[in-house]
Amino acid sequence: MESKKPLVPRSYIDIDGKVLYSEGDQAWNLVRLKKEVLNEFYQLREKSSKFSYHMSYFRVYEELEKAIRGLKKGGALPVLIWFYKEE
């Protein structure tokens, strides 16, 4: 199993971005990281490094609250992302 080391930002981040359609993959799979994110997670600029992510979606608040209690036991704080459909 790979060991994963969480990246930790230096300060609070609050930005808006876009999800883009990838013509080559014919899928909505491209999330561009803005400069502010790269400035805080400076390790992401290392071109020879590999990075991964873990995404969780909870359908009910009770499951989210249980996960938050688990986060308090240690580990990295999550990055929250909301998806919106623009009009």
PDB file of N, CA and C in Angstrom:
ATOM      1  N   MET A   1       0.848  -1.188   0.000  1.00  0.00           N
ATOM      2  CA  MET A   1       0.000   0.000   0.000  1.00  0.00           C
ATOM      3  C   MET A   1       0.888   1.244   0.000  1.00  0.00           C
ATOM      4  N   GLU A   2       0.497   2.205  -0.784  1.00  0.00           N
ATOM      5  CA  GLU A   2       1.246   3.450  -0.857  1.00  0.00           C
ATOM      6  C   GLU A   2       1.069   4.244   0.432  1.00  0.00           C
ATOM      7  N   SER A   3       2.129   4.912   0.837  1.00  0.00           N
ATOM      8  CA  SER A   3       1.980   5.816   1.965  1.00  0.00           C
ATOM      9  C   SER A   3       1.600   7.181   1.410  1.00  0.00           C
ATOM     10  N   LYS A   4       0.670   7.816   2.059  1.00  0.00           N
ATOM     11  CA  LYS A   4       0.196   9.120   1.614  1.00  0.00           C
ATOM     12  C   LYS A   4       0.460  10.138   2.701  1.00  0.00           C
ATOM     13  N   LYS A   5       1.071  11.238   2.325  1.00  0.00           N
ATOM     14  CA  LYS A   5       1.349  12.327   3.252  1.00  0.00           C
ATOM     15  C   LYS A   5       0.446  13.497   2.885  1.00  0.00           C
ATOM     16  N   PRO A   6      -0.424  13.926   3.796  1.00  0.00           N
ATOM     17  CA  PRO A   6      -1.336  15.026   3.466  1.00  0.00           C
ATOM     18  C   PRO A   6      -0.600  16.339   3.255  1.00  0.00           C
ATOM     19  N   LEU A   7      -1.072  17.109   2.294  1.00  0.00           N
ATOM     20  CA  LEU A   7      -0.554  18.453   2.061  1.00  0.00           C
ATOM     21  C   LEU A   7      -1.340  19.414   2.948  1.00  0.00           C
ATOM     22  N   VAL A   8      -0.657  20.347   3.551  1.00  0.00           N
ATOM     23  CA  VAL A   8      -1.298  21.276   4.479  1.00  0.00           C
ATOM     24  C   VAL A   8      -1.099  22.705   3.978  1.00  0.00           C
ATOM     25  N   PRO A   9      -2.200  23.465   3.796  1.00  0.00           N
ATOM     26  CA  PRO A   9      -2.049  24.856   3.351  1.00  0.00           C
ATOM     27  C   PRO A   9      -1.496  25.718   4.479  1.00  0.00           C
ATOM     28  N   ARG A  10      -0.949  26.855   4.087  1.00  0.00           N
ATOM     29  CA  ARG A  10      -0.376  27.776   5.066  1.00  0.00           C
ATOM     30  C   ARG A  10      -1.419  28.727   5.627  1.00  0.00           C
ATOM     31  N   SER A  11      -2.500  28.943   4.900  1.00  0.00           N
ATOM     32  CA  SER A  11      -3.523  29.869   5.383  1.00  0.00           C
ATOM     33  C   SER A  11      -4.890  29.446   4.853  1.00  0.00           C
ATOM     34  N   TYR A  12      -5.892  30.203   5.215  1.00  0.00           N
ATOM     35  CA  TYR A  12      -7.269  29.959   4.795  1.00  0.00           C
ATOM     36  C   TYR A  12      -7.415  30.238   3.302  1.00  0.00           C
ATOM     37  N   ILE A  13      -8.121  29.356   2.599  1.00  0.00           N
ATOM     38  CA  ILE A  13      -8.353  29.522   1.159  1.00  0.00           C
ATOM     39  C   ILE A  13      -9.865  29.589   0.936  1.00  0.00           C
ATOM     40  N   ASP A  14     -10.327  30.568   0.166  1.00  0.00           N
ATOM     41  CA  ASP A  14     -11.744  30.682  -0.173  1.00  0.00           C
ATOM     42  C   ASP A  14     -11.825  31.233  -1.591  1.00  0.00           C
ATOM     43  N   ILE A  15     -11.983  30.357  -2.587  1.00  0.00           N
ATOM     44  CA  ILE A  15     -11.987  30.778  -3.985  1.00  0.00           C
ATOM     45  C   ILE A  15     -13.105  30.077  -4.753  1.00  0.00           C
ATOM     46  N   ASP A  16     -13.447  30.618  -5.898  1.00  0.00           N
ATOM     47  CA  ASP A  16     -14.397  30.004  -6.814  1.00  0.00           C
ATOM     48  C   ASP A  16     -13.635  29.550  -8.053  1.00  0.00           C
ATOM     49  N   GLY A  17     -14.042  28.435  -8.617  1.00  0.00           N
ATOM     50  CA  GLY A  17     -13.395  27.910  -9.813  1.00  0.00           C
ATOM     51  C   GLY A  17     -14.423  27.280 -10.732  1.00  0.00           C
ATOM     52  N   LYS A  18     -13.958  26.583 -11.749  1.00  0.00           N
ATOM     53  CA  LYS A  18     -14.848  25.961 -12.728  1.00  0.00           C
ATOM     54  C   LYS A  18     -14.443  24.515 -12.968  1.00  0.00           C
ATOM     55  N   VAL A  19     -15.422  23.695 -13.312  1.00  0.00           N
ATOM     56  CA  VAL A  19     -15.202  22.342 -13.792  1.00  0.00           C
ATOM     57  C   VAL A  19     -15.328  22.422 -15.300  1.00  0.00           C
ATOM     58  N   LEU A  20     -14.352  21.903 -16.023  1.00  0.00           N
ATOM     59  CA  LEU A  20     -14.320  22.049 -17.472  1.00  0.00           C
ATOM     60  C   LEU A  20     -14.503  20.715 -18.181  1.00  0.00           C
ATOM     61  N   TYR A  21     -15.069  20.775 -19.362  1.00  0.00           N
ATOM     62  CA  TYR A  21     -15.250  19.591 -20.195  1.00  0.00           C
ATOM     63  C   TYR A  21     -13.962  19.315 -20.950  1.00  0.00           C
ATOM     64  N   SER A  22     -13.483  18.083 -20.902  1.00  0.00           N
ATOM     65  CA  SER A  22     -12.274  17.692 -21.612  1.00  0.00           C
ATOM     66  C   SER A  22     -12.666  17.083 -22.957  1.00  0.00           C
ATOM     67  N   GLU A  23     -12.357  17.784 -24.032  1.00  0.00           N
ATOM     68  CA  GLU A  23     -12.699  17.296 -25.378  1.00  0.00           C
ATOM     69  C   GLU A  23     -12.030  15.958 -25.665  1.00  0.00           C
ATOM     70  N   GLY A  24     -10.749  15.824 -25.304  1.00  0.00           N
ATOM     71  CA  GLY A  24     -10.019  14.595 -25.596  1.00  0.00           C
ATOM     72  C   GLY A  24     -10.607  13.378 -24.896  1.00  0.00           C
ATOM     73  N   ASP A  25     -11.032  13.559 -23.646  1.00  0.00           N
ATOM     74  CA  ASP A  25     -11.611  12.452 -22.874  1.00  0.00           C
ATOM     75  C   ASP A  25     -13.123  12.374 -23.037  1.00  0.00           C
ATOM     76  N   GLN A  26     -13.716  13.385 -23.625  1.00  0.00           N
ATOM     77  CA  GLN A  26     -15.165  13.512 -23.770  1.00  0.00           C
ATOM     78  C   GLN A  26     -15.868  13.282 -22.433  1.00  0.00           C
ATOM     79  N   ALA A  27     -15.371  14.005 -21.412  1.00  0.00           N
ATOM     80  CA  ALA A  27     -15.942  13.853 -20.078  1.00  0.00           C
ATOM     81  C   ALA A  27     -15.729  15.135 -19.281  1.00  0.00           C
ATOM     82  N   TRP A  28     -16.577  15.320 -18.272  1.00  0.00           N
ATOM     83  CA  TRP A  28     -16.430  16.436 -17.335  1.00  0.00           C
ATOM     84  C   TRP A  28     -15.455  15.994 -16.260  1.00  0.00           C
ATOM     85  N   ASN A  29     -14.177  16.065 -16.561  1.00  0.00           N
ATOM     86  CA  ASN A  29     -13.209  15.531 -15.616  1.00  0.00           C
ATOM     87  C   ASN A  29     -12.040  16.468 -15.348  1.00  0.00           C
ATOM     88  N   LEU A  30     -12.133  17.699 -15.730  1.00  0.00           N
ATOM     89  CA  LEU A  30     -11.010  18.616 -15.577  1.00  0.00           C
ATOM     90  C   LEU A  30     -11.351  19.688 -14.547  1.00  0.00           C
ATOM     91  N   VAL A  31     -10.641  19.660 -13.440  1.00  0.00           N
ATOM     92  CA  VAL A  31     -10.783  20.677 -12.411  1.00  0.00           C
ATOM     93  C   VAL A  31      -9.462  21.418 -12.383  1.00  0.00           C
ATOM     94  N   ARG A  32      -9.470  22.666 -12.741  1.00  0.00           N
ATOM     95  CA  ARG A  32      -8.247  23.467 -12.753  1.00  0.00           C
ATOM     96  C   ARG A  32      -8.035  24.080 -11.383  1.00  0.00           C
ATOM     97  N   LEU A  33      -6.819  23.954 -10.898  1.00  0.00           N
ATOM     98  CA  LEU A  33      -6.477  24.550  -9.614  1.00  0.00           C
ATOM     99  C   LEU A  33      -6.008  25.978  -9.839  1.00  0.00           C
ATOM    100  N   LYS A  34      -6.592  26.893  -9.129  1.00  0.00           N
ATOM    101  CA  LYS A  34      -6.231  28.295  -9.273  1.00  0.00           C
ATOM    102  C   LYS A  34      -4.900  28.584  -8.586  1.00  0.00           C
ATOM    103  N   LYS A  35      -4.334  29.714  -8.948  1.00  0.00           N
ATOM    104  CA  LYS A  35      -3.033  30.131  -8.437  1.00  0.00           C
ATOM    105  C   LYS A  35      -3.011  30.151  -6.909  1.00  0.00           C
ATOM    106  N   GLU A  36      -4.101  30.584  -6.289  1.00  0.00           N
ATOM    107  CA  GLU A  36      -4.167  30.653  -4.830  1.00  0.00           C
ATOM    108  C   GLU A  36      -3.981  29.275  -4.197  1.00  0.00           C
ATOM    109  N   VAL A  37      -4.544  28.247  -4.824  1.00  0.00           N
ATOM    110  CA  VAL A  37      -4.395  26.881  -4.309  1.00  0.00           C
ATOM    111  C   VAL A  37      -2.946  26.437  -4.453  1.00  0.00           C
ATOM    112  N   LEU A  38      -2.367  26.680  -5.620  1.00  0.00           N
ATOM    113  CA  LEU A  38      -0.971  26.300  -5.846  1.00  0.00           C
ATOM    114  C   LEU A  38      -0.017  27.057  -4.927  1.00  0.00           C
ATOM    115  N   ASN A  39      -0.352  28.281  -4.604  1.00  0.00           N
ATOM    116  CA  ASN A  39       0.484  29.042  -3.675  1.00  0.00           C
ATOM    117  C   ASN A  39       0.443  28.442  -2.274  1.00  0.00           C
ATOM    118  N   GLU A  40      -0.701  27.959  -1.853  1.00  0.00           N
ATOM    119  CA  GLU A  40      -0.831  27.379  -0.515  1.00  0.00           C
ATOM    120  C   GLU A  40      -0.305  25.948  -0.461  1.00  0.00           C
ATOM    121  N   PHE A  41      -0.606  25.151  -1.473  1.00  0.00           N
ATOM    122  CA  PHE A  41      -0.108  23.778  -1.557  1.00  0.00           C
ATOM    123  C   PHE A  41       1.066  23.775  -2.526  1.00  0.00           C
ATOM    124  N   TYR A  42       2.157  24.410  -2.122  1.00  0.00           N
ATOM    125  CA  TYR A  42       3.305  24.615  -3.010  1.00  0.00           C
ATOM    126  C   TYR A  42       3.895  23.306  -3.536  1.00  0.00           C
ATOM    127  N   GLN A  43       3.659  22.191  -2.825  1.00  0.00           N
ATOM    128  CA  GLN A  43       4.187  20.902  -3.271  1.00  0.00           C
ATOM    129  C   GLN A  43       3.606  20.491  -4.619  1.00  0.00           C
ATOM    130  N   LEU A  44       2.414  20.993  -4.943  1.00  0.00           N
ATOM    131  CA  LEU A  44       1.766  20.631  -6.210  1.00  0.00           C
ATOM    132  C   LEU A  44       2.520  21.162  -7.421  1.00  0.00           C
ATOM    133  N   ARG A  45       3.470  22.045  -7.208  1.00  0.00           N
ATOM    134  CA  ARG A  45       4.278  22.569  -8.306  1.00  0.00           C
ATOM    135  C   ARG A  45       5.437  21.636  -8.669  1.00  0.00           C
ATOM    136  N   GLU A  46       5.675  20.614  -7.863  1.00  0.00           N
ATOM    137  CA  GLU A  46       6.759  19.669  -8.123  1.00  0.00           C
ATOM    138  C   GLU A  46       6.340  18.747  -9.259  1.00  0.00           C
ATOM    139  N   LYS A  47       6.886  18.961 -10.423  1.00  0.00           N
ATOM    140  CA  LYS A  47       6.457  18.228 -11.617  1.00  0.00           C
ATOM    141  C   LYS A  47       6.858  16.765 -11.591  1.00  0.00           C
ATOM    142  N   SER A  48       7.896  16.412 -10.850  1.00  0.00           N
ATOM    143  CA  SER A  48       8.335  15.017 -10.817  1.00  0.00           C
ATOM    144  C   SER A  48       7.617  14.202  -9.747  1.00  0.00           C
ATOM    145  N   SER A  49       6.794  14.852  -8.917  1.00  0.00           N
ATOM    146  CA  SER A  49       6.076  14.156  -7.845  1.00  0.00           C
ATOM    147  C   SER A  49       4.719  13.677  -8.333  1.00  0.00           C
ATOM    148  N   LYS A  50       4.221  12.654  -7.662  1.00  0.00           N
ATOM    149  CA  LYS A  50       2.879  12.140  -7.954  1.00  0.00           C
ATOM    150  C   LYS A  50       1.960  12.543  -6.808  1.00  0.00           C
ATOM    151  N   PHE A  51       0.745  12.921  -7.158  1.00  0.00           N
ATOM    152  CA  PHE A  51      -0.238  13.318  -6.159  1.00  0.00           C
ATOM    153  C   PHE A  51      -1.532  12.560  -6.411  1.00  0.00           C
ATOM    154  N   SER A  52      -2.274  12.345  -5.367  1.00  0.00           N
ATOM    155  CA  SER A  52      -3.578  11.702  -5.491  1.00  0.00           C
ATOM    156  C   SER A  52      -4.564  12.488  -4.635  1.00  0.00           C
ATOM    157  N   TYR A  53      -5.807  12.137  -4.716  1.00  0.00           N
ATOM    158  CA  TYR A  53      -6.801  12.765  -3.859  1.00  0.00           C
ATOM    159  C   TYR A  53      -7.818  11.735  -3.438  1.00  0.00           C
ATOM    160  N   HIS A  54      -8.534  12.051  -2.388  1.00  0.00           N
ATOM    161  CA  HIS A  54      -9.624  11.213  -1.896  1.00  0.00           C
ATOM    162  C   HIS A  54     -10.845  12.112  -1.793  1.00  0.00           C
ATOM    163  N   MET A  55     -11.955  11.677  -2.341  1.00  0.00           N
ATOM    164  CA  MET A  55     -13.174  12.473  -2.303  1.00  0.00           C
ATOM    165  C   MET A  55     -14.263  11.665  -1.594  1.00  0.00           C
ATOM    166  N   SER A  56     -14.963  12.301  -0.683  1.00  0.00           N
ATOM    167  CA  SER A  56     -16.075  11.673   0.021  1.00  0.00           C
ATOM    168  C   SER A  56     -17.314  12.533  -0.145  1.00  0.00           C
ATOM    169  N   TYR A  57     -18.439  11.885  -0.368  1.00  0.00           N
ATOM    170  CA  TYR A  57     -19.710  12.599  -0.439  1.00  0.00           C
ATOM    171  C   TYR A  57     -20.688  11.890   0.483  1.00  0.00           C
ATOM    172  N   PHE A  58     -21.273  12.617   1.404  1.00  0.00           N
ATOM    173  CA  PHE A  58     -22.215  12.047   2.354  1.00  0.00           C
ATOM    174  C   PHE A  58     -23.617  12.517   1.998  1.00  0.00           C
ATOM    175  N   ARG A  59     -24.533  11.585   1.890  1.00  0.00           N
ATOM    176  CA  ARG A  59     -25.897  11.911   1.471  1.00  0.00           C
ATOM    177  C   ARG A  59     -26.769  12.449   2.607  1.00  0.00           C
ATOM    178  N   VAL A  60     -26.361  12.191   3.840  1.00  0.00           N
ATOM    179  CA  VAL A  60     -27.118  12.710   4.987  1.00  0.00           C
ATOM    180  C   VAL A  60     -26.145  13.361   5.963  1.00  0.00           C
ATOM    181  N   TYR A  61     -26.611  14.387   6.657  1.00  0.00           N
ATOM    182  CA  TYR A  61     -25.761  15.148   7.568  1.00  0.00           C
ATOM    183  C   TYR A  61     -25.209  14.292   8.703  1.00  0.00           C
ATOM    184  N   GLU A  62     -25.960  13.291   9.134  1.00  0.00           N
ATOM    185  CA  GLU A  62     -25.496  12.444  10.232  1.00  0.00           C
ATOM    186  C   GLU A  62     -24.208  11.711   9.855  1.00  0.00           C
ATOM    187  N   GLU A  63     -24.109  11.238   8.606  1.00  0.00           N
ATOM    188  CA  GLU A  63     -22.887  10.575   8.151  1.00  0.00           C
ATOM    189  C   GLU A  63     -21.723  11.564   8.100  1.00  0.00           C
ATOM    190  N   LEU A  64     -21.991  12.784   7.661  1.00  0.00           N
ATOM    191  CA  LEU A  64     -20.963  13.817   7.625  1.00  0.00           C
ATOM    192  C   LEU A  64     -20.481  14.140   9.035  1.00  0.00           C
ATOM    193  N   GLU A  65     -21.405  14.269   9.976  1.00  0.00           N
ATOM    194  CA  GLU A  65     -21.029  14.558  11.353  1.00  0.00           C
ATOM    195  C   GLU A  65     -20.160  13.446  11.938  1.00  0.00           C
ATOM    196  N   LYS A  66     -20.473  12.204  11.620  1.00  0.00           N
ATOM    197  CA  LYS A  66     -19.676  11.072  12.088  1.00  0.00           C
ATOM    198  C   LYS A  66     -18.266  11.141  11.501  1.00  0.00           C
ATOM    199  N   ALA A  67     -18.164  11.492  10.233  1.00  0.00           N
ATOM    200  CA  ALA A  67     -16.856  11.619   9.594  1.00  0.00           C
ATOM    201  C   ALA A  67     -16.058  12.760  10.215  1.00  0.00           C
ATOM    202  N   ILE A  68     -16.716  13.860  10.546  1.00  0.00           N
ATOM    203  CA  ILE A  68     -16.034  14.996  11.166  1.00  0.00           C
ATOM    204  C   ILE A  68     -15.487  14.605  12.542  1.00  0.00           C
ATOM    205  N   ARG A  69     -16.260  13.845  13.293  1.00  0.00           N
ATOM    206  CA  ARG A  69     -15.771  13.379  14.593  1.00  0.00           C
ATOM    207  C   ARG A  69     -14.522  12.516  14.400  1.00  0.00           C
ATOM    208  N   GLY A  70     -14.483  11.713  13.342  1.00  0.00           N
ATOM    209  CA  GLY A  70     -13.305  10.902  13.043  1.00  0.00           C
ATOM    210  C   GLY A  70     -12.110  11.757  12.667  1.00  0.00           C
ATOM    211  N   LEU A  71     -12.348  12.883  11.980  1.00  0.00           N
ATOM    212  CA  LEU A  71     -11.262  13.784  11.598  1.00  0.00           C
ATOM    213  C   LEU A  71     -10.603  14.412  12.818  1.00  0.00           C
ATOM    214  N   LYS A  72     -11.385  14.629  13.851  1.00  0.00           N
ATOM    215  CA  LYS A  72     -10.849  15.265  15.057  1.00  0.00           C
ATOM    216  C   LYS A  72      -9.813  14.385  15.746  1.00  0.00           C
ATOM    217  N   LYS A  73      -9.791  13.092  15.427  1.00  0.00           N
ATOM    218  CA  LYS A  73      -8.837  12.171  16.048  1.00  0.00           C
ATOM    219  C   LYS A  73      -7.441  12.333  15.471  1.00  0.00           C
ATOM    220  N   GLY A  74      -7.313  13.037  14.380  1.00  0.00           N
ATOM    221  CA  GLY A  74      -5.997  13.267  13.791  1.00  0.00           C
ATOM    222  C   GLY A  74      -6.069  13.202  12.281  1.00  0.00           C
ATOM    223  N   GLY A  75      -4.991  13.576  11.642  1.00  0.00           N
ATOM    224  CA  GLY A  75      -4.963  13.569  10.196  1.00  0.00           C
ATOM    225  C   GLY A  75      -5.097  14.964   9.630  1.00  0.00           C
ATOM    226  N   ALA A  76      -5.173  15.024   8.336  1.00  0.00           N
ATOM    227  CA  ALA A  76      -5.250  16.312   7.648  1.00  0.00           C
ATOM    228  C   ALA A  76      -6.677  16.828   7.628  1.00  0.00           C
ATOM    229  N   LEU A  77      -6.810  18.138   7.633  1.00  0.00           N
ATOM    230  CA  LEU A  77      -8.124  18.751   7.471  1.00  0.00           C
ATOM    231  C   LEU A  77      -8.522  18.642   6.003  1.00  0.00           C
ATOM    232  N   PRO A  78      -9.790  18.437   5.711  1.00  0.00           N
ATOM    233  CA  PRO A  78     -10.219  18.296   4.319  1.00  0.00           C
ATOM    234  C   PRO A  78     -10.341  19.646   3.610  1.00  0.00           C
ATOM    235  N   VAL A  79     -10.323  19.594   2.307  1.00  0.00           N
ATOM    236  CA  VAL A  79     -10.649  20.745   1.476  1.00  0.00           C
ATOM    237  C   VAL A  79     -12.106  20.566   1.083  1.00  0.00           C
ATOM    238  N   LEU A  80     -12.931  21.533   1.383  1.00  0.00           N
ATOM    239  CA  LEU A  80     -14.354  21.443   1.047  1.00  0.00           C
ATOM    240  C   LEU A  80     -14.569  22.005  -0.352  1.00  0.00           C
ATOM    241  N   ILE A  81     -15.374  21.315  -1.147  1.00  0.00           N
ATOM    242  CA  ILE A  81     -15.684  21.771  -2.497  1.00  0.00           C
ATOM    243  C   ILE A  81     -17.177  21.577  -2.726  1.00  0.00           C
ATOM    244  N   TRP A  82     -17.817  22.598  -3.262  1.00  0.00           N
ATOM    245  CA  TRP A  82     -19.219  22.531  -3.620  1.00  0.00           C
ATOM    246  C   TRP A  82     -19.322  22.618  -5.133  1.00  0.00           C
ATOM    247  N   PHE A  83     -20.199  21.832  -5.725  1.00  0.00           N
ATOM    248  CA  PHE A  83     -20.440  21.918  -7.164  1.00  0.00           C
ATOM    249  C   PHE A  83     -21.748  22.661  -7.394  1.00  0.00           C
ATOM    250  N   TYR A  84     -21.720  23.595  -8.360  1.00  0.00           N
ATOM    251  CA  TYR A  84     -22.895  24.377  -8.709  1.00  0.00           C
ATOM    252  C   TYR A  84     -23.122  24.294 -10.208  1.00  0.00           C
ATOM    253  N   LYS A  85     -24.359  24.288 -10.610  1.00  0.00           N
ATOM    254  CA  LYS A  85     -24.683  24.424 -12.032  1.00  0.00           C
ATOM    255  C   LYS A  85     -24.940  25.889 -12.310  1.00  0.00           C
ATOM    256  N   GLU A  86     -24.178  26.452 -13.207  1.00  0.00           N
ATOM    257  CA  GLU A  86     -24.320  27.874 -13.514  1.00  0.00           C
ATOM    258  C   GLU A  86     -25.417  28.085 -14.534  1.00  0.00           C
ATOM    259  N   GLU A  87     -26.121  29.169 -14.380  1.00  0.00           N
ATOM    260  CA  GLU A  87     -27.213  29.494 -15.298  1.00  0.00           C
ATOM    261  C   GLU A  87     -26.715  30.329 -16.447  1.00  0.00           C
TER     262      GLU A  87
END
